[in-house]
């Protein structure tokens, strides 16, 4: 039985290499204490569906007592997704959320008009050598939800739908694909999934979304006889039916996409908005540090420090 009712399983060679609209090799970015590989936004492509930022953190090995400390910082106009392969993060935010996230689970924080959060390696993980390897992404919110109240959802590994067949394993993180729907609340058409491919196995991409892309986390895949290795992101032309094949060592992928938003987004620091005015207002409020009296408040148990507005 086909696990993808929307697509007939096919041969990768049936797809022309020109189906790849944009090929992105992520660039390294220093986030102050650790480095990420950033695929989005890119010079040739700002977004894929609602996805406006895509960072790979790690793999990194940390010594006993060491960890990652992303101090409290603000967001507007977006939802953040933390998804880990190894390690953990202790998430705290201005909604009162206080949650450890571990591999295979989902933290989904929607900033709306404004929220503050921190992410730190947990105290338990720091008690010995620890690892960090994962993906963090931002989804821009549609115009109708830019000013919504901030929210936070955590969904454990067991709550995310799994599709398995013929050497392919797909964990659906957000949205809908392959006849399944993930539990997190979405505000625009979206799909986002963690994919494992055994050697030679084939993955048909969902064909019921306007935008679609693949990020190669590990291993390699082939499209139309051409091989692509980690780390690269391929963004496909709308409407093309895409099937990819895993290389000799198999592959681990993140697949993503959805409907394009009604217009472009401005992005500055941690702020995403449909207008520059929204960003300037948020910048002024964060600089004023009137915690709890406007759109921003520091996490209840993480108030001793915060990241200031960049110069």
C-alpha atoms as a PDB file:
ATOM      1  CA  UNK A   1       0.000   0.000   0.000  1.00  0.00           C
ATOM      2  CA  UNK A   2       1.368   3.394  -0.925  1.00  0.00           C
ATOM      3  CA  UNK A   3       1.991   5.579   2.124  1.00  0.00           C
ATOM      4  CA  UNK A   4       1.607   8.670  -0.065  1.00  0.00           C
ATOM      5  CA  UNK A   5      -1.884   8.686  -1.585  1.00  0.00           C
ATOM      6  CA  UNK A   6      -1.240  11.991  -3.362  1.00  0.00           C
ATOM      7  CA  UNK A   7       1.634  10.782  -5.551  1.00  0.00           C
ATOM      8  CA  UNK A   8       2.343   7.699  -7.632  1.00  0.00           C
ATOM      9  CA  UNK A   9       5.759   6.322  -6.634  1.00  0.00           C
ATOM     10  CA  UNK A  10       8.119   7.209  -9.456  1.00  0.00           C
ATOM     11  CA  UNK A  11      11.692   7.204 -10.623  1.00  0.00           C
ATOM     12  CA  UNK A  12      13.904  10.193  -9.763  1.00  0.00           C
ATOM     13  CA  UNK A  13      15.225  10.188 -13.330  1.00  0.00           C
ATOM     14  CA  UNK A  14      11.772  11.125 -14.567  1.00  0.00           C
ATOM     15  CA  UNK A  15      12.206  14.588 -13.036  1.00  0.00           C
ATOM     16  CA  UNK A  16      14.345  17.126 -14.865  1.00  0.00           C
ATOM     17  CA  UNK A  17      17.152  18.789 -12.935  1.00  0.00           C
ATOM     18  CA  UNK A  18      15.563  22.149 -13.859  1.00  0.00           C
ATOM     19  CA  UNK A  19      12.798  21.288 -11.384  1.00  0.00           C
ATOM     20  CA  UNK A  20      15.179  22.739  -8.769  1.00  0.00           C
ATOM     21  CA  UNK A  21      14.371  26.442  -8.812  1.00  0.00           C
ATOM     22  CA  UNK A  22      16.993  27.426  -6.212  1.00  0.00           C
ATOM     23  CA  UNK A  23      19.955  25.526  -4.739  1.00  0.00           C
ATOM     24  CA  UNK A  24      21.235  26.918  -1.445  1.00  0.00           C
ATOM     25  CA  UNK A  25      24.488  26.051   0.308  1.00  0.00           C
ATOM     26  CA  UNK A  26      24.017  27.304   3.888  1.00  0.00           C
ATOM     27  CA  UNK A  27      26.471  29.835   5.241  1.00  0.00           C
ATOM     28  CA  UNK A  28      27.956  29.853   8.737  1.00  0.00           C
ATOM     29  CA  UNK A  29      26.683  32.417  11.217  1.00  0.00           C
ATOM     30  CA  UNK A  30      28.043  33.152  14.692  1.00  0.00           C
ATOM     31  CA  UNK A  31      25.166  33.614  17.146  1.00  0.00           C
ATOM     32  CA  UNK A  32      27.405  34.522  20.063  1.00  0.00           C
ATOM     33  CA  UNK A  33      28.865  31.409  21.637  1.00  0.00           C
ATOM     34  CA  UNK A  34      27.909  28.910  18.954  1.00  0.00           C
ATOM     35  CA  UNK A  35      27.772  28.686  15.194  1.00  0.00           C
ATOM     36  CA  UNK A  36      24.879  27.714  12.927  1.00  0.00           C
ATOM     37  CA  UNK A  37      24.527  26.943   9.234  1.00  0.00           C
ATOM     38  CA  UNK A  38      21.841  29.250   7.814  1.00  0.00           C
ATOM     39  CA  UNK A  39      19.911  28.238   4.692  1.00  0.00           C
ATOM     40  CA  UNK A  40      17.094  30.828   4.907  1.00  0.00           C
ATOM     41  CA  UNK A  41      16.838  33.683   4.271  1.00  0.00           C
ATOM     42  CA  UNK A  42      19.270  33.493   1.344  1.00  0.00           C
ATOM     43  CA  UNK A  43      20.324  36.135  -1.205  1.00  0.00           C
ATOM     44  CA  UNK A  44      18.265  34.444  -3.942  1.00  0.00           C
ATOM     45  CA  UNK A  45      15.317  33.331  -1.814  1.00  0.00           C
ATOM     46  CA  UNK A  46      13.779  34.841   1.321  1.00  0.00           C
ATOM     47  CA  UNK A  47      11.075  32.265   2.074  1.00  0.00           C
ATOM     48  CA  UNK A  48       9.689  28.817   1.275  1.00  0.00           C
ATOM     49  CA  UNK A  49       5.965  29.009   1.944  1.00  0.00           C
ATOM     50  CA  UNK A  50       5.850  30.694   5.373  1.00  0.00           C
ATOM     51  CA  UNK A  51       9.376  29.508   6.363  1.00  0.00           C
ATOM     52  CA  UNK A  52      11.607  32.580   6.646  1.00  0.00           C
ATOM     53  CA  UNK A  53      14.566  31.321   8.722  1.00  0.00           C
ATOM     54  CA  UNK A  54      16.200  27.892   8.705  1.00  0.00           C
ATOM     55  CA  UNK A  55      19.275  27.197  10.882  1.00  0.00           C
ATOM     56  CA  UNK A  56      21.159  23.974  11.536  1.00  0.00           C
ATOM     57  CA  UNK A  57      22.823  23.970  14.968  1.00  0.00           C
ATOM     58  CA  UNK A  58      25.616  21.422  15.387  1.00  0.00           C
ATOM     59  CA  UNK A  59      26.504  18.658  15.489  1.00  0.00           C
ATOM     60  CA  UNK A  60      28.604  19.811  18.431  1.00  0.00           C
ATOM     61  CA  UNK A  61      30.111  18.055  21.428  1.00  0.00           C
ATOM     62  CA  UNK A  62      30.263  19.960  24.713  1.00  0.00           C
ATOM     63  CA  UNK A  63      32.362  19.244  27.799  1.00  0.00           C
ATOM     64  CA  UNK A  64      30.980  18.666  31.311  1.00  0.00           C
ATOM     65  CA  UNK A  65      29.599  21.907  32.696  1.00  0.00           C
ATOM     66  CA  UNK A  66      29.350  23.503  29.268  1.00  0.00           C
ATOM     67  CA  UNK A  67      26.215  24.228  27.292  1.00  0.00           C
ATOM     68  CA  UNK A  68      24.372  26.668  25.071  1.00  0.00           C
ATOM     69  CA  UNK A  69      22.912  29.803  26.653  1.00  0.00           C
ATOM     70  CA  UNK A  70      20.646  31.848  24.410  1.00  0.00           C
ATOM     71  CA  UNK A  71      19.667  34.663  26.789  1.00  0.00           C
ATOM     72  CA  UNK A  72      16.140  36.153  26.807  1.00  0.00           C
ATOM     73  CA  UNK A  73      15.431  37.942  23.533  1.00  0.00           C
ATOM     74  CA  UNK A  74      12.307  39.220  21.724  1.00  0.00           C
ATOM     75  CA  UNK A  75      10.304  38.124  18.685  1.00  0.00           C
ATOM     76  CA  UNK A  76       7.352  39.535  16.766  1.00  0.00           C
ATOM     77  CA  UNK A  77       5.359  38.335  13.748  1.00  0.00           C
ATOM     78  CA  UNK A  78       6.572  34.745  13.634  1.00  0.00           C
ATOM     79  CA  UNK A  79       6.398  31.248  15.075  1.00  0.00           C
ATOM     80  CA  UNK A  80       9.591  29.460  16.163  1.00  0.00           C
ATOM     81  CA  UNK A  81      10.192  25.716  15.914  1.00  0.00           C
ATOM     82  CA  UNK A  82      12.896  23.886  17.818  1.00  0.00           C
ATOM     83  CA  UNK A  83      13.488  20.292  16.702  1.00  0.00           C
ATOM     84  CA  UNK A  84      16.439  18.290  18.022  1.00  0.00           C
ATOM     85  CA  UNK A  85      18.272  15.174  16.888  1.00  0.00           C
ATOM     86  CA  UNK A  86      20.604  15.155  19.911  1.00  0.00           C
ATOM     87  CA  UNK A  87      20.811  17.083  23.164  1.00  0.00           C
ATOM     88  CA  UNK A  88      18.178  19.195  24.895  1.00  0.00           C
ATOM     89  CA  UNK A  89      17.075  22.777  25.443  1.00  0.00           C
ATOM     90  CA  UNK A  90      15.357  24.353  28.443  1.00  0.00           C
ATOM     91  CA  UNK A  91      12.823  26.763  26.956  1.00  0.00           C
ATOM     92  CA  UNK A  92      11.298  29.597  28.998  1.00  0.00           C
ATOM     93  CA  UNK A  93       9.177  32.427  27.644  1.00  0.00           C
ATOM     94  CA  UNK A  94       7.004  35.389  28.559  1.00  0.00           C
ATOM     95  CA  UNK A  95       3.778  33.358  28.335  1.00  0.00           C
ATOM     96  CA  UNK A  96       4.921  31.416  31.417  1.00  0.00           C
ATOM     97  CA  UNK A  97       6.002  28.345  29.430  1.00  0.00           C
ATOM     98  CA  UNK A  98       8.824  26.356  31.031  1.00  0.00           C
ATOM     99  CA  UNK A  99       9.651  23.242  29.002  1.00  0.00           C
ATOM    100  CA  UNK A 100      12.582  20.902  28.341  1.00  0.00           C
ATOM    101  CA  UNK A 101      12.638  19.777  24.720  1.00  0.00           C
ATOM    102  CA  UNK A 102      14.316  16.518  23.738  1.00  0.00           C
ATOM    103  CA  UNK A 103      14.974  14.769  20.410  1.00  0.00           C
ATOM    104  CA  UNK A 104      11.910  14.066  18.281  1.00  0.00           C
ATOM    105  CA  UNK A 105       9.607  16.440  20.187  1.00  0.00           C
ATOM    106  CA  UNK A 106       8.290  19.850  19.129  1.00  0.00           C
ATOM    107  CA  UNK A 107       8.381  23.262  20.779  1.00  0.00           C
ATOM    108  CA  UNK A 108       6.140  25.681  18.842  1.00  0.00           C
ATOM    109  CA  UNK A 109       6.167  29.265  20.133  1.00  0.00           C
ATOM    110  CA  UNK A 110       4.047  31.839  18.311  1.00  0.00           C
ATOM    111  CA  UNK A 111       5.227  35.390  18.976  1.00  0.00           C
ATOM    112  CA  UNK A 112       2.310  37.304  17.463  1.00  0.00           C
ATOM    113  CA  UNK A 113       2.501  40.913  18.682  1.00  0.00           C
ATOM    114  CA  UNK A 114       5.509  40.090  20.867  1.00  0.00           C
ATOM    115  CA  UNK A 115       7.120  37.542  23.167  1.00  0.00           C
ATOM    116  CA  UNK A 116      10.429  36.993  24.923  1.00  0.00           C
ATOM    117  CA  UNK A 117      12.152  33.634  25.343  1.00  0.00           C
ATOM    118  CA  UNK A 118      15.415  31.943  26.276  1.00  0.00           C
ATOM    119  CA  UNK A 119      16.865  28.559  25.359  1.00  0.00           C
ATOM    120  CA  UNK A 120      19.605  26.978  27.448  1.00  0.00           C
ATOM    121  CA  UNK A 121      21.167  23.547  27.774  1.00  0.00           C
ATOM    122  CA  UNK A 122      19.490  21.906  30.771  1.00  0.00           C
ATOM    123  CA  UNK A 123      21.260  21.507  34.122  1.00  0.00           C
ATOM    124  CA  UNK A 124      20.952  17.711  33.802  1.00  0.00           C
ATOM    125  CA  UNK A 125      22.721  17.692  30.425  1.00  0.00           C
ATOM    126  CA  UNK A 126      25.550  19.892  31.767  1.00  0.00           C
ATOM    127  CA  UNK A 127      26.302  17.332  34.490  1.00  0.00           C
ATOM    128  CA  UNK A 128      28.360  15.393  31.925  1.00  0.00           C
ATOM    129  CA  UNK A 129      29.568  15.622  28.338  1.00  0.00           C
ATOM    130  CA  UNK A 130      26.647  16.505  26.089  1.00  0.00           C
ATOM    131  CA  UNK A 131      25.773  16.954  22.425  1.00  0.00           C
ATOM    132  CA  UNK A 132      23.754  19.445  20.419  1.00  0.00           C
ATOM    133  CA  UNK A 133      22.351  18.766  16.965  1.00  0.00           C
ATOM    134  CA  UNK A 134      19.103  20.171  15.649  1.00  0.00           C
ATOM    135  CA  UNK A 135      17.192  22.566  13.449  1.00  0.00           C
ATOM    136  CA  UNK A 136      15.561  25.836  14.389  1.00  0.00           C
ATOM    137  CA  UNK A 137      13.160  27.529  12.006  1.00  0.00           C
ATOM    138  CA  UNK A 138      10.879  30.549  11.924  1.00  0.00           C
ATOM    139  CA  UNK A 139       7.543  30.764  10.141  1.00  0.00           C
ATOM    140  CA  UNK A 140       6.263  34.228   9.248  1.00  0.00           C
ATOM    141  CA  UNK A 141       2.674  34.785  10.340  1.00  0.00           C
ATOM    142  CA  UNK A 142      -0.023  35.839   7.853  1.00  0.00           C
ATOM    143  CA  UNK A 143      -1.317  39.415   8.054  1.00  0.00           C
ATOM    144  CA  UNK A 144      -4.402  38.277   9.985  1.00  0.00           C
ATOM    145  CA  UNK A 145      -2.310  36.892  12.865  1.00  0.00           C
ATOM    146  CA  UNK A 146       0.622  39.301  13.194  1.00  0.00           C
ATOM    147  CA  UNK A 147      -0.952  40.954  16.249  1.00  0.00           C
ATOM    148  CA  UNK A 148      -2.305  37.834  17.962  1.00  0.00           C
ATOM    149  CA  UNK A 149      -1.450  37.121  21.602  1.00  0.00           C
ATOM    150  CA  UNK A 150       1.667  34.952  22.004  1.00  0.00           C
ATOM    151  CA  UNK A 151       1.192  31.214  22.554  1.00  0.00           C
ATOM    152  CA  UNK A 152       3.310  28.142  23.252  1.00  0.00           C
ATOM    153  CA  UNK A 153       2.695  24.474  22.478  1.00  0.00           C
ATOM    154  CA  UNK A 154       4.800  21.426  23.283  1.00  0.00           C
ATOM    155  CA  UNK A 155       4.108  18.106  21.569  1.00  0.00           C
ATOM    156  CA  UNK A 156       6.080  15.036  22.615  1.00  0.00           C
ATOM    157  CA  UNK A 157       7.718  12.641  20.190  1.00  0.00           C
ATOM    158  CA  UNK A 158       4.865  10.155  20.525  1.00  0.00           C
ATOM    159  CA  UNK A 159       2.276  12.777  19.490  1.00  0.00           C
ATOM    160  CA  UNK A 160       3.782  13.482  16.058  1.00  0.00           C
ATOM    161  CA  UNK A 161       2.436  11.296  13.216  1.00  0.00           C
ATOM    162  CA  UNK A 162       4.778   8.697  11.685  1.00  0.00           C
ATOM    163  CA  UNK A 163       4.554   7.343   8.137  1.00  0.00           C
ATOM    164  CA  UNK A 164       6.754   4.326   7.333  1.00  0.00           C
ATOM    165  CA  UNK A 165       7.091   2.235   4.196  1.00  0.00           C
ATOM    166  CA  UNK A 166       9.788   0.663   1.984  1.00  0.00           C
ATOM    167  CA  UNK A 167      12.862   2.100   3.726  1.00  0.00           C
ATOM    168  CA  UNK A 168      11.260   5.497   4.353  1.00  0.00           C
ATOM    169  CA  UNK A 169      10.341   6.971   7.744  1.00  0.00           C
ATOM    170  CA  UNK A 170       8.608  10.356   7.970  1.00  0.00           C
ATOM    171  CA  UNK A 171       7.789  12.144  11.237  1.00  0.00           C
ATOM    172  CA  UNK A 172       5.344  14.980  10.516  1.00  0.00           C
ATOM    173  CA  UNK A 173       6.264  17.944  12.710  1.00  0.00           C
ATOM    174  CA  UNK A 174       3.895  20.651  11.469  1.00  0.00           C
ATOM    175  CA  UNK A 175       0.929  20.924   9.148  1.00  0.00           C
ATOM    176  CA  UNK A 176      -0.360  18.265   6.793  1.00  0.00           C
ATOM    177  CA  UNK A 177       1.231  15.792   4.371  1.00  0.00           C
ATOM    178  CA  UNK A 178       0.734  12.229   3.129  1.00  0.00           C
ATOM    179  CA  UNK A 179      -2.799  12.133   4.519  1.00  0.00           C
ATOM    180  CA  UNK A 180      -1.679  12.958   8.079  1.00  0.00           C
ATOM    181  CA  UNK A 181      -2.093  16.104  10.204  1.00  0.00           C
ATOM    182  CA  UNK A 182       0.305  17.163  12.970  1.00  0.00           C
ATOM    183  CA  UNK A 183      -1.218  18.422  16.252  1.00  0.00           C
ATOM    184  CA  UNK A 184       0.286  21.933  16.478  1.00  0.00           C
ATOM    185  CA  UNK A 185      -1.982  24.894  15.660  1.00  0.00           C
ATOM    186  CA  UNK A 186      -1.192  26.359  12.233  1.00  0.00           C
ATOM    187  CA  UNK A 187      -2.169  29.753  10.807  1.00  0.00           C
ATOM    188  CA  UNK A 188      -1.376  29.123   7.140  1.00  0.00           C
ATOM    189  CA  UNK A 189      -1.015  26.082   4.881  1.00  0.00           C
ATOM    190  CA  UNK A 190       2.197  24.310   5.916  1.00  0.00           C
ATOM    191  CA  UNK A 191       4.112  21.050   5.971  1.00  0.00           C
ATOM    192  CA  UNK A 192       7.335  20.243   7.821  1.00  0.00           C
ATOM    193  CA  UNK A 193       8.741  16.759   8.427  1.00  0.00           C
ATOM    194  CA  UNK A 194      11.813  14.829   9.568  1.00  0.00           C
ATOM    195  CA  UNK A 195      12.655  12.108   7.011  1.00  0.00           C
ATOM    196  CA  UNK A 196      14.989   9.112   7.252  1.00  0.00           C
ATOM    197  CA  UNK A 197      15.819   7.227   4.051  1.00  0.00           C
ATOM    198  CA  UNK A 198      17.595   3.895   3.833  1.00  0.00           C
ATOM    199  CA  UNK A 199      20.058   3.328   1.011  1.00  0.00           C
ATOM    200  CA  UNK A 200      18.322   3.479  -2.368  1.00  0.00           C
ATOM    201  CA  UNK A 201      14.862   4.218  -0.950  1.00  0.00           C
ATOM    202  CA  UNK A 202      12.688   6.817  -2.676  1.00  0.00           C
ATOM    203  CA  UNK A 203      10.703   9.713  -1.295  1.00  0.00           C
ATOM    204  CA  UNK A 204       7.868  11.327  -3.263  1.00  0.00           C
ATOM    205  CA  UNK A 205       7.396  14.905  -2.101  1.00  0.00           C
ATOM    206  CA  UNK A 206       3.903  16.117  -1.144  1.00  0.00           C
ATOM    207  CA  UNK A 207       2.312  17.659  -4.248  1.00  0.00           C
ATOM    208  CA  UNK A 208      -0.600  19.484  -2.596  1.00  0.00           C
ATOM    209  CA  UNK A 209       1.388  22.520  -1.416  1.00  0.00           C
ATOM    210  CA  UNK A 210       2.411  25.583  -3.423  1.00  0.00           C
ATOM    211  CA  UNK A 211       6.044  25.763  -2.255  1.00  0.00           C
ATOM    212  CA  UNK A 212       8.288  22.825  -1.332  1.00  0.00           C
ATOM    213  CA  UNK A 213      11.917  22.296  -0.423  1.00  0.00           C
ATOM    214  CA  UNK A 214      14.327  19.681   0.911  1.00  0.00           C
ATOM    215  CA  UNK A 215      17.183  20.298   3.330  1.00  0.00           C
ATOM    216  CA  UNK A 216      19.794  17.520   3.446  1.00  0.00           C
ATOM    217  CA  UNK A 217      20.907  17.055   7.052  1.00  0.00           C
ATOM    218  CA  UNK A 218      23.014  13.920   6.551  1.00  0.00           C
ATOM    219  CA  UNK A 219      23.939  11.673   3.625  1.00  0.00           C
ATOM    220  CA  UNK A 220      22.984  12.347   0.027  1.00  0.00           C
ATOM    221  CA  UNK A 221      20.098  12.137  -2.448  1.00  0.00           C
ATOM    222  CA  UNK A 222      19.846  12.050  -6.225  1.00  0.00           C
ATOM    223  CA  UNK A 223      17.515  13.963  -8.524  1.00  0.00           C
ATOM    224  CA  UNK A 224      17.543  13.294 -12.277  1.00  0.00           C
ATOM    225  CA  UNK A 225      20.816  11.412 -11.904  1.00  0.00           C
ATOM    226  CA  UNK A 226      22.606  14.274 -10.103  1.00  0.00           C
ATOM    227  CA  UNK A 227      23.808  13.781  -6.532  1.00  0.00           C
ATOM    228  CA  UNK A 228      23.356  16.359  -3.774  1.00  0.00           C
ATOM    229  CA  UNK A 229      25.065  16.024  -0.388  1.00  0.00           C
ATOM    230  CA  UNK A 230      24.591  17.550   3.063  1.00  0.00           C
ATOM    231  CA  UNK A 231      24.255  20.365   3.856  1.00  0.00           C
ATOM    232  CA  UNK A 232      22.235  21.792   0.957  1.00  0.00           C
ATOM    233  CA  UNK A 233      18.689  23.049   0.445  1.00  0.00           C
ATOM    234  CA  UNK A 234      16.794  22.509  -2.813  1.00  0.00           C
ATOM    235  CA  UNK A 235      13.696  24.610  -3.535  1.00  0.00           C
ATOM    236  CA  UNK A 236      11.454  23.223  -6.269  1.00  0.00           C
ATOM    237  CA  UNK A 237       9.283  24.838  -8.892  1.00  0.00           C
ATOM    238  CA  UNK A 238       5.605  25.047  -7.898  1.00  0.00           C
ATOM    239  CA  UNK A 239       3.504  22.289  -9.405  1.00  0.00           C
ATOM    240  CA  UNK A 240       6.312  19.848 -10.251  1.00  0.00           C
ATOM    241  CA  UNK A 241       5.951  16.290  -8.950  1.00  0.00           C
ATOM    242  CA  UNK A 242       9.236  15.400  -7.284  1.00  0.00           C
ATOM    243  CA  UNK A 243      10.669  12.054  -6.184  1.00  0.00           C
ATOM    244  CA  UNK A 244      14.183  11.753  -4.744  1.00  0.00           C
ATOM    245  CA  UNK A 245      16.357   8.691  -4.075  1.00  0.00           C
ATOM    246  CA  UNK A 246      18.719   8.152  -1.139  1.00  0.00           C
ATOM    247  CA  UNK A 247      22.430   7.655  -1.799  1.00  0.00           C
ATOM    248  CA  UNK A 248      24.661   4.750  -0.766  1.00  0.00           C
ATOM    249  CA  UNK A 249      24.767   5.829   2.901  1.00  0.00           C
ATOM    250  CA  UNK A 250      21.088   6.720   3.098  1.00  0.00           C
ATOM    251  CA  UNK A 251      19.960  10.208   4.037  1.00  0.00           C
ATOM    252  CA  UNK A 252      18.278  12.299   6.671  1.00  0.00           C
ATOM    253  CA  UNK A 253      16.220  15.211   5.391  1.00  0.00           C
ATOM    254  CA  UNK A 254      13.917  17.961   6.509  1.00  0.00           C
ATOM    255  CA  UNK A 255      11.136  18.611   4.008  1.00  0.00           C
ATOM    256  CA  UNK A 256       9.198  21.854   4.207  1.00  0.00           C
ATOM    257  CA  UNK A 257       6.829  24.165   2.402  1.00  0.00           C
ATOM    258  CA  UNK A 258       3.317  25.511   2.168  1.00  0.00           C
ATOM    259  CA  UNK A 259       1.376  28.423   0.728  1.00  0.00           C
ATOM    260  CA  UNK A 260       3.135  31.690   0.002  1.00  0.00           C
ATOM    261  CA  UNK A 261       2.022  34.655   2.107  1.00  0.00           C
ATOM    262  CA  UNK A 262       0.125  37.612   0.679  1.00  0.00           C
ATOM    263  CA  UNK A 263       3.251  39.763   0.517  1.00  0.00           C
ATOM    264  CA  UNK A 264       6.966  39.932   1.390  1.00  0.00           C
ATOM    265  CA  UNK A 265       8.204  40.246   4.941  1.00  0.00           C
ATOM    266  CA  UNK A 266      10.732  42.599   6.518  1.00  0.00           C
ATOM    267  CA  UNK A 267      13.187  40.855   8.820  1.00  0.00           C
ATOM    268  CA  UNK A 268      15.497  42.634  11.265  1.00  0.00           C
ATOM    269  CA  UNK A 269      17.274  40.872  14.128  1.00  0.00           C
ATOM    270  CA  UNK A 270      14.569  38.679  15.728  1.00  0.00           C
ATOM    271  CA  UNK A 271      11.641  40.617  14.293  1.00  0.00           C
ATOM    272  CA  UNK A 272       9.531  39.688  11.252  1.00  0.00           C
ATOM    273  CA  UNK A 273       6.764  41.987  10.010  1.00  0.00           C
ATOM    274  CA  UNK A 274       4.741  43.097   6.996  1.00  0.00           C
ATOM    275  CA  UNK A 275       5.879  46.698   7.546  1.00  0.00           C
ATOM    276  CA  UNK A 276       8.986  48.503   8.743  1.00  0.00           C
ATOM    277  CA  UNK A 277       6.838  50.499  11.187  1.00  0.00           C
ATOM    278  CA  UNK A 278       5.978  47.352  13.167  1.00  0.00           C
ATOM    279  CA  UNK A 279       9.673  46.565  13.522  1.00  0.00           C
ATOM    280  CA  UNK A 280      10.563  50.100  14.666  1.00  0.00           C
ATOM    281  CA  UNK A 281       7.792  49.990  17.291  1.00  0.00           C
ATOM    282  CA  UNK A 282       9.020  46.651  18.643  1.00  0.00           C
ATOM    283  CA  UNK A 283      12.624  47.847  18.665  1.00  0.00           C
ATOM    284  CA  UNK A 284      11.675  50.895  20.747  1.00  0.00           C
ATOM    285  CA  UNK A 285       9.680  48.804  23.245  1.00  0.00           C
ATOM    286  CA  UNK A 286      12.503  46.297  23.770  1.00  0.00           C
ATOM    287  CA  UNK A 287      14.997  49.099  24.258  1.00  0.00           C
ATOM    288  CA  UNK A 288      12.716  50.738  26.873  1.00  0.00           C
ATOM    289  CA  UNK A 289      12.787  47.581  29.073  1.00  0.00           C
ATOM    290  CA  UNK A 290       9.309  48.201  30.513  1.00  0.00           C
ATOM    291  CA  UNK A 291       8.839  44.532  31.271  1.00  0.00           C
ATOM    292  CA  UNK A 292       5.235  43.456  31.638  1.00  0.00           C
ATOM    293  CA  UNK A 293       3.841  46.868  30.675  1.00  0.00           C
ATOM    294  CA  UNK A 294       3.753  46.451  26.903  1.00  0.00           C
ATOM    295  CA  UNK A 295       4.321  43.687  24.417  1.00  0.00           C
ATOM    296  CA  UNK A 296       7.384  42.190  26.144  1.00  0.00           C
ATOM    297  CA  UNK A 297       7.995  40.546  29.502  1.00  0.00           C
ATOM    298  CA  UNK A 298      10.976  38.445  30.572  1.00  0.00           C
ATOM    299  CA  UNK A 299      10.508  34.752  31.447  1.00  0.00           C
ATOM    300  CA  UNK A 300       9.503  34.307  35.087  1.00  0.00           C
ATOM    301  CA  UNK A 301      12.581  32.269  36.076  1.00  0.00           C
ATOM    302  CA  UNK A 302      15.094  33.847  33.678  1.00  0.00           C
ATOM    303  CA  UNK A 303      15.060  37.587  34.366  1.00  0.00           C
ATOM    304  CA  UNK A 304      18.655  38.337  35.393  1.00  0.00           C
ATOM    305  CA  UNK A 305      19.931  39.090  31.902  1.00  0.00           C
ATOM    306  CA  UNK A 306      18.720  39.715  28.364  1.00  0.00           C
ATOM    307  CA  UNK A 307      20.114  40.422  24.909  1.00  0.00           C
ATOM    308  CA  UNK A 308      20.046  44.160  24.138  1.00  0.00           C
ATOM    309  CA  UNK A 309      18.989  45.667  20.816  1.00  0.00           C
ATOM    310  CA  UNK A 310      21.978  45.479  18.427  1.00  0.00           C
ATOM    311  CA  UNK A 311      23.670  48.784  17.595  1.00  0.00           C
END
